Amino acid sequence: MADNVRRSMPLFSMGIVQKLTGLTARQIRYYEENELIHPERTAGNRRVFSFNDVDRLLDIKSLLDEGVNLAGIRRVLSEKPLEANRPAEEKKAMSDAELMKFLKAELVHAGKFGKATLIQGELSRFFR
């Protein structure tokens, strides 16, 4: 699987993204409302974030820490196009079978080395 496809694959729930970025759910929703990020939505309308979305949120956070306002952040991020900058409709859809195969491989790979991945706790409920 190509790296750009892997990085744009929606895998992370809001809770995991909050832990990774240190941002609150309200901040993340605010950045989505202002079209700085475009997370995918599940059938239940929950946000699911990709690695690119997380990277973009970390960029936003670092710019805020430097004192850049929202207009400045928009300008800086527009000069730095990312896969995550595209709306969800333009992203390549992954079939359920492909997603399940990837997630299962992620769990098996982590188990071999005795380490838990970030998403293993979230994924383990799908594979018993």
N, C-alpha and C. Protein backbone atom coordinates (compact mmCIF):
# COMPACT_ATOMS: atom_id res chain seq x y z
N MET A 1 0.85 -1.17 0.00
CA MET A 1 0.00 0.00 0.00
C MET A 1 0.90 1.24 0.00
N ALA A 2 0.58 2.19 -0.83
CA ALA A 2 1.38 3.40 -0.95
C ALA A 2 1.31 4.23 0.33
N ASP A 3 2.39 4.93 0.62
CA ASP A 3 2.47 5.72 1.86
C ASP A 3 1.42 6.83 1.90
N ASN A 4 1.17 7.49 0.75
CA ASN A 4 0.18 8.58 0.75
C ASN A 4 -1.23 8.04 1.00
N VAL A 5 -1.51 6.82 0.54
CA VAL A 5 -2.82 6.20 0.80
C VAL A 5 -2.91 5.85 2.28
N ARG A 6 -1.85 5.30 2.81
CA ARG A 6 -1.82 4.91 4.22
C ARG A 6 -1.99 6.12 5.13
N ARG A 7 -1.35 7.22 4.80
CA ARG A 7 -1.42 8.42 5.65
C ARG A 7 -2.77 9.11 5.57
N SER A 8 -3.52 8.90 4.51
CA SER A 8 -4.83 9.53 4.38
C SER A 8 -5.97 8.61 4.81
N MET A 9 -5.63 7.41 5.28
CA MET A 9 -6.64 6.45 5.71
C MET A 9 -7.21 6.87 7.07
N PRO A 10 -8.52 7.04 7.16
CA PRO A 10 -9.11 7.46 8.45
C PRO A 10 -9.12 6.30 9.45
N LEU A 11 -8.39 6.47 10.57
CA LEU A 11 -8.25 5.41 11.56
C LEU A 11 -8.54 5.85 12.99
N PHE A 12 -8.32 7.12 13.29
CA PHE A 12 -8.32 7.56 14.68
C PHE A 12 -9.64 8.21 15.08
N SER A 13 -10.11 7.84 16.26
CA SER A 13 -11.32 8.46 16.81
C SER A 13 -10.96 9.81 17.41
N MET A 14 -11.98 10.56 17.79
CA MET A 14 -11.76 11.88 18.39
C MET A 14 -10.93 11.75 19.67
N GLY A 15 -11.20 10.75 20.49
CA GLY A 15 -10.48 10.58 21.75
C GLY A 15 -8.99 10.36 21.55
N ILE A 16 -8.63 9.54 20.58
CA ILE A 16 -7.22 9.29 20.29
C ILE A 16 -6.55 10.55 19.76
N VAL A 17 -7.24 11.27 18.89
CA VAL A 17 -6.67 12.50 18.34
C VAL A 17 -6.46 13.53 19.45
N GLN A 18 -7.38 13.59 20.40
CA GLN A 18 -7.21 14.51 21.53
C GLN A 18 -5.94 14.17 22.31
N LYS A 19 -5.71 12.87 22.55
CA LYS A 19 -4.51 12.45 23.28
C LYS A 19 -3.24 12.74 22.49
N LEU A 20 -3.28 12.52 21.18
CA LEU A 20 -2.10 12.74 20.34
C LEU A 20 -1.73 14.21 20.22
N THR A 21 -2.74 15.07 20.14
CA THR A 21 -2.49 16.48 19.85
C THR A 21 -2.51 17.38 21.08
N GLY A 22 -3.19 16.95 22.13
CA GLY A 22 -3.34 17.82 23.30
C GLY A 22 -4.41 18.87 23.11
N LEU A 23 -5.19 18.76 22.06
CA LEU A 23 -6.28 19.70 21.79
C LEU A 23 -7.57 19.15 22.38
N THR A 24 -8.51 20.04 22.66
CA THR A 24 -9.81 19.60 23.14
C THR A 24 -10.70 19.25 21.95
N ALA A 25 -11.77 18.52 22.23
CA ALA A 25 -12.72 18.17 21.17
C ALA A 25 -13.32 19.44 20.57
N ARG A 26 -13.59 20.41 21.42
CA ARG A 26 -14.16 21.67 20.94
C ARG A 26 -13.21 22.38 19.98
N GLN A 27 -11.92 22.39 20.29
CA GLN A 27 -10.94 23.02 19.40
C GLN A 27 -10.89 22.29 18.05
N ILE A 28 -10.90 20.97 18.10
CA ILE A 28 -10.84 20.19 16.86
C ILE A 28 -12.07 20.45 16.01
N ARG A 29 -13.24 20.48 16.64
CA ARG A 29 -14.48 20.78 15.89
C ARG A 29 -14.43 22.19 15.31
N TYR A 30 -13.86 23.14 16.05
CA TYR A 30 -13.73 24.52 15.58
C TYR A 30 -12.87 24.59 14.32
N TYR A 31 -11.76 23.85 14.31
CA TYR A 31 -10.89 23.86 13.13
C TYR A 31 -11.57 23.19 11.94
N GLU A 32 -12.43 22.22 12.22
CA GLU A 32 -13.20 21.61 11.13
C GLU A 32 -14.24 22.60 10.60
N GLU A 33 -14.91 23.32 11.49
CA GLU A 33 -15.90 24.31 11.07
C GLU A 33 -15.26 25.39 10.21
N ASN A 34 -14.02 25.73 10.51
CA ASN A 34 -13.29 26.73 9.74
C ASN A 34 -12.54 26.14 8.57
N GLU A 35 -12.82 24.88 8.24
CA GLU A 35 -12.30 24.18 7.07
C GLU A 35 -10.78 24.09 7.03
N LEU A 36 -10.17 23.97 8.22
CA LEU A 36 -8.73 23.75 8.27
C LEU A 36 -8.40 22.26 8.20
N ILE A 37 -9.34 21.42 8.63
CA ILE A 37 -9.22 19.97 8.51
C ILE A 37 -10.53 19.41 7.97
N HIS A 38 -10.44 18.22 7.40
CA HIS A 38 -11.62 17.59 6.81
C HIS A 38 -11.65 16.11 7.18
N PRO A 39 -12.00 15.77 8.43
CA PRO A 39 -12.04 14.36 8.79
C PRO A 39 -13.19 13.62 8.11
N GLU A 40 -12.99 12.33 7.94
CA GLU A 40 -14.05 11.48 7.39
C GLU A 40 -15.16 11.34 8.43
N ARG A 41 -16.30 10.83 8.00
CA ARG A 41 -17.42 10.54 8.90
C ARG A 41 -17.82 9.08 8.74
N THR A 42 -18.15 8.45 9.87
CA THR A 42 -18.64 7.07 9.83
C THR A 42 -20.12 7.10 9.49
N ALA A 43 -20.71 5.92 9.35
CA ALA A 43 -22.15 5.83 9.09
C ALA A 43 -22.94 6.45 10.24
N GLY A 44 -22.40 6.40 11.44
CA GLY A 44 -23.04 7.00 12.61
C GLY A 44 -22.70 8.47 12.78
N ASN A 45 -22.06 9.08 11.78
CA ASN A 45 -21.69 10.49 11.74
C ASN A 45 -20.61 10.87 12.75
N ARG A 46 -19.77 9.93 13.14
CA ARG A 46 -18.65 10.24 14.02
C ARG A 46 -17.44 10.59 13.17
N ARG A 47 -16.62 11.48 13.69
CA ARG A 47 -15.41 11.88 12.98
C ARG A 47 -14.36 10.78 13.10
N VAL A 48 -13.65 10.53 12.00
CA VAL A 48 -12.54 9.59 11.99
C VAL A 48 -11.39 10.29 11.28
N PHE A 49 -10.24 10.36 11.95
CA PHE A 49 -9.12 11.15 11.47
C PHE A 49 -8.00 10.28 10.91
N SER A 50 -7.27 10.83 9.94
CA SER A 50 -6.12 10.15 9.34
C SER A 50 -4.84 10.71 9.95
N PHE A 51 -3.70 10.09 9.59
CA PHE A 51 -2.41 10.62 10.02
C PHE A 51 -2.22 12.05 9.52
N ASN A 52 -2.65 12.31 8.29
CA ASN A 52 -2.53 13.67 7.74
C ASN A 52 -3.34 14.67 8.55
N ASP A 53 -4.54 14.27 8.98
CA ASP A 53 -5.35 15.16 9.81
C ASP A 53 -4.65 15.47 11.12
N VAL A 54 -4.05 14.45 11.73
CA VAL A 54 -3.33 14.64 13.00
C VAL A 54 -2.13 15.56 12.78
N ASP A 55 -1.37 15.34 11.71
CA ASP A 55 -0.24 16.21 11.40
C ASP A 55 -0.68 17.66 11.22
N ARG A 56 -1.78 17.83 10.54
CA ARG A 56 -2.31 19.18 10.30
C ARG A 56 -2.72 19.84 11.62
N LEU A 57 -3.36 19.08 12.50
CA LEU A 57 -3.74 19.62 13.80
C LEU A 57 -2.51 20.00 14.62
N LEU A 58 -1.46 19.19 14.53
CA LEU A 58 -0.22 19.53 15.24
C LEU A 58 0.42 20.79 14.67
N ASP A 59 0.33 20.96 13.34
CA ASP A 59 0.82 22.20 12.72
C ASP A 59 0.02 23.40 13.23
N ILE A 60 -1.29 23.24 13.29
CA ILE A 60 -2.16 24.32 13.78
C ILE A 60 -1.79 24.66 15.22
N LYS A 61 -1.61 23.65 16.04
CA LYS A 61 -1.27 23.87 17.45
C LYS A 61 0.06 24.61 17.59
N SER A 62 1.07 24.21 16.81
CA SER A 62 2.37 24.88 16.91
C SER A 62 2.29 26.33 16.43
N LEU A 63 1.48 26.58 15.40
CA LEU A 63 1.31 27.97 14.94
C LEU A 63 0.60 28.81 16.00
N LEU A 64 -0.39 28.23 16.67
CA LEU A 64 -1.08 28.94 17.74
C LEU A 64 -0.13 29.26 18.88
N ASP A 65 0.75 28.30 19.21
CA ASP A 65 1.74 28.52 20.27
C ASP A 65 2.71 29.65 19.92
N GLU A 66 2.93 29.85 18.63
CA GLU A 66 3.79 30.94 18.18
C GLU A 66 3.06 32.28 18.13
N GLY A 67 1.75 32.26 18.37
CA GLY A 67 0.98 33.50 18.39
C GLY A 67 0.31 33.86 17.07
N VAL A 68 0.26 32.94 16.15
CA VAL A 68 -0.37 33.20 14.85
C VAL A 68 -1.89 33.08 15.00
N ASN A 69 -2.63 34.03 14.44
CA ASN A 69 -4.10 33.97 14.52
C ASN A 69 -4.66 33.05 13.42
N LEU A 70 -5.98 32.88 13.44
CA LEU A 70 -6.63 31.94 12.51
C LEU A 70 -6.39 32.32 11.05
N ALA A 71 -6.43 33.61 10.74
CA ALA A 71 -6.18 34.04 9.35
C ALA A 71 -4.75 33.70 8.93
N GLY A 72 -3.81 33.88 9.83
CA GLY A 72 -2.42 33.54 9.54
C GLY A 72 -2.23 32.05 9.36
N ILE A 73 -2.91 31.29 10.20
CA ILE A 73 -2.84 29.82 10.10
C ILE A 73 -3.37 29.37 8.74
N ARG A 74 -4.50 29.96 8.34
CA ARG A 74 -5.08 29.62 7.03
C ARG A 74 -4.09 29.90 5.91
N ARG A 75 -3.43 31.03 5.98
CA ARG A 75 -2.46 31.42 4.94
C ARG A 75 -1.27 30.46 4.92
N VAL A 76 -0.72 30.16 6.09
CA VAL A 76 0.43 29.26 6.16
C VAL A 76 0.07 27.87 5.65
N LEU A 77 -1.08 27.37 6.06
CA LEU A 77 -1.48 26.03 5.65
C LEU A 77 -1.88 25.96 4.18
N SER A 78 -2.35 27.07 3.62
CA SER A 78 -2.70 27.06 2.19
C SER A 78 -1.44 26.98 1.33
N GLU A 79 -0.32 27.47 1.87
CA GLU A 79 0.96 27.37 1.14
C GLU A 79 1.57 25.99 1.27
N LYS A 80 1.06 25.19 2.21
CA LYS A 80 1.59 23.86 2.47
C LYS A 80 0.49 22.84 2.22
N PRO A 81 0.22 22.51 0.95
CA PRO A 81 -0.89 21.59 0.67
C PRO A 81 -0.60 20.19 1.19
N LEU A 82 -1.61 19.60 1.78
CA LEU A 82 -1.52 18.24 2.30
C LEU A 82 -2.66 17.42 1.76
N GLU A 83 -2.52 16.12 1.83
CA GLU A 83 -3.61 15.21 1.46
C GLU A 83 -4.82 15.50 2.32
N ALA A 84 -4.60 15.85 3.58
CA ALA A 84 -5.70 16.10 4.52
C ALA A 84 -6.46 17.36 4.17
N ASN A 85 -5.88 18.22 3.33
CA ASN A 85 -6.53 19.47 2.97
C ASN A 85 -7.69 19.26 2.00
N ARG A 86 -7.71 18.09 1.35
CA ARG A 86 -8.78 17.82 0.40
C ARG A 86 -10.04 17.41 1.14
N PRO A 87 -11.19 17.81 0.65
CA PRO A 87 -12.44 17.35 1.27
C PRO A 87 -12.57 15.84 1.17
N ALA A 88 -13.38 15.27 2.03
CA ALA A 88 -13.52 13.81 2.14
C ALA A 88 -14.01 13.18 0.84
N GLU A 89 -14.84 13.89 0.08
CA GLU A 89 -15.39 13.31 -1.14
C GLU A 89 -14.31 12.99 -2.16
N GLU A 90 -13.20 13.76 -2.13
CA GLU A 90 -12.15 13.56 -3.12
C GLU A 90 -11.18 12.45 -2.73
N LYS A 91 -11.18 12.03 -1.47
CA LYS A 91 -10.27 10.99 -1.03
C LYS A 91 -10.72 9.64 -1.59
N LYS A 92 -9.75 8.78 -1.87
CA LYS A 92 -10.06 7.47 -2.41
C LYS A 92 -10.75 6.64 -1.34
N ALA A 93 -11.91 6.11 -1.69
CA ALA A 93 -12.66 5.29 -0.75
C ALA A 93 -12.00 3.91 -0.64
N MET A 94 -11.99 3.38 0.56
CA MET A 94 -11.42 2.07 0.80
C MET A 94 -12.57 1.11 1.10
N SER A 95 -12.54 -0.03 0.49
CA SER A 95 -13.62 -0.99 0.74
C SER A 95 -13.52 -1.52 2.16
N ASP A 96 -14.63 -2.05 2.66
CA ASP A 96 -14.64 -2.60 4.01
C ASP A 96 -13.66 -3.76 4.14
N ALA A 97 -13.58 -4.56 3.09
CA ALA A 97 -12.66 -5.71 3.12
C ALA A 97 -11.21 -5.24 3.22
N GLU A 98 -10.85 -4.21 2.45
CA GLU A 98 -9.48 -3.68 2.51
C GLU A 98 -9.18 -3.10 3.88
N LEU A 99 -10.13 -2.38 4.45
CA LEU A 99 -9.93 -1.79 5.76
C LEU A 99 -9.76 -2.87 6.83
N MET A 100 -10.62 -3.89 6.81
CA MET A 100 -10.53 -4.97 7.79
C MET A 100 -9.19 -5.70 7.65
N LYS A 101 -8.73 -5.91 6.43
CA LYS A 101 -7.45 -6.58 6.19
C LYS A 101 -6.32 -5.75 6.78
N PHE A 102 -6.34 -4.44 6.55
CA PHE A 102 -5.30 -3.56 7.08
C PHE A 102 -5.32 -3.54 8.60
N LEU A 103 -6.50 -3.43 9.19
CA LEU A 103 -6.61 -3.36 10.65
C LEU A 103 -6.17 -4.67 11.30
N LYS A 104 -6.52 -5.78 10.70
CA LYS A 104 -6.10 -7.07 11.24
C LYS A 104 -4.59 -7.22 11.17
N ALA A 105 -4.00 -6.81 10.06
CA ALA A 105 -2.55 -6.85 9.92
C ALA A 105 -1.88 -5.98 10.97
N GLU A 106 -2.46 -4.85 11.27
CA GLU A 106 -1.93 -3.94 12.29
C GLU A 106 -1.92 -4.62 13.66
N LEU A 107 -2.99 -5.31 13.99
CA LEU A 107 -3.06 -6.02 15.27
C LEU A 107 -2.07 -7.17 15.34
N VAL A 108 -1.99 -7.95 14.27
CA VAL A 108 -1.08 -9.11 14.24
C VAL A 108 0.36 -8.64 14.33
N HIS A 109 0.72 -7.60 13.60
CA HIS A 109 2.09 -7.07 13.59
C HIS A 109 2.47 -6.59 14.99
N ALA A 110 1.59 -5.90 15.67
CA ALA A 110 1.88 -5.39 17.00
C ALA A 110 2.05 -6.53 17.99
N GLY A 111 1.24 -7.59 17.85
CA GLY A 111 1.33 -8.72 18.76
C GLY A 111 2.63 -9.48 18.65
N LYS A 112 3.25 -9.50 17.49
CA LYS A 112 4.50 -10.23 17.29
C LYS A 112 5.65 -9.62 18.08
N PHE A 113 5.63 -8.33 18.25
CA PHE A 113 6.73 -7.66 18.91
C PHE A 113 6.41 -7.30 20.36
N GLY A 114 5.26 -7.71 20.84
CA GLY A 114 4.90 -7.47 22.22
C GLY A 114 4.56 -6.03 22.54
N LYS A 115 4.38 -5.22 21.52
CA LYS A 115 4.03 -3.82 21.75
C LYS A 115 2.60 -3.58 21.30
N ALA A 116 1.93 -2.71 22.00
CA ALA A 116 0.57 -2.33 21.60
C ALA A 116 0.67 -1.06 20.76
N THR A 117 -0.05 -1.04 19.67
CA THR A 117 -0.09 0.17 18.86
C THR A 117 -1.09 1.13 19.45
N LEU A 118 -1.08 2.36 18.97
CA LEU A 118 -2.03 3.36 19.45
C LEU A 118 -3.47 2.93 19.24
N ILE A 119 -3.71 2.27 18.13
CA ILE A 119 -5.10 1.94 17.81
C ILE A 119 -5.49 0.55 18.24
N GLN A 120 -4.58 -0.21 18.82
CA GLN A 120 -4.89 -1.60 19.15
C GLN A 120 -6.05 -1.70 20.12
N GLY A 121 -6.09 -0.85 21.13
CA GLY A 121 -7.20 -0.88 22.07
C GLY A 121 -8.52 -0.62 21.39
N GLU A 122 -8.52 0.26 20.42
CA GLU A 122 -9.74 0.58 19.69
C GLU A 122 -10.12 -0.54 18.73
N LEU A 123 -9.15 -1.24 18.16
CA LEU A 123 -9.42 -2.24 17.14
C LEU A 123 -9.72 -3.62 17.70
N SER A 124 -9.25 -3.89 18.90
CA SER A 124 -9.35 -5.24 19.43
C SER A 124 -10.81 -5.69 19.55
N ARG A 125 -11.73 -4.77 19.67
CA ARG A 125 -13.12 -5.17 19.80
C ARG A 125 -13.70 -5.74 18.50
N PHE A 126 -13.03 -5.49 17.36
CA PHE A 126 -13.50 -5.99 16.08
C PHE A 126 -13.01 -7.41 15.79
N PHE A 127 -11.92 -7.82 16.42
CA PHE A 127 -11.31 -9.11 16.14
C PHE A 127 -11.22 -9.91 17.42
N ARG A 128 -12.02 -10.91 17.57
CA ARG A 128 -12.00 -11.74 18.79
C ARG A 128 -11.63 -13.14 18.44
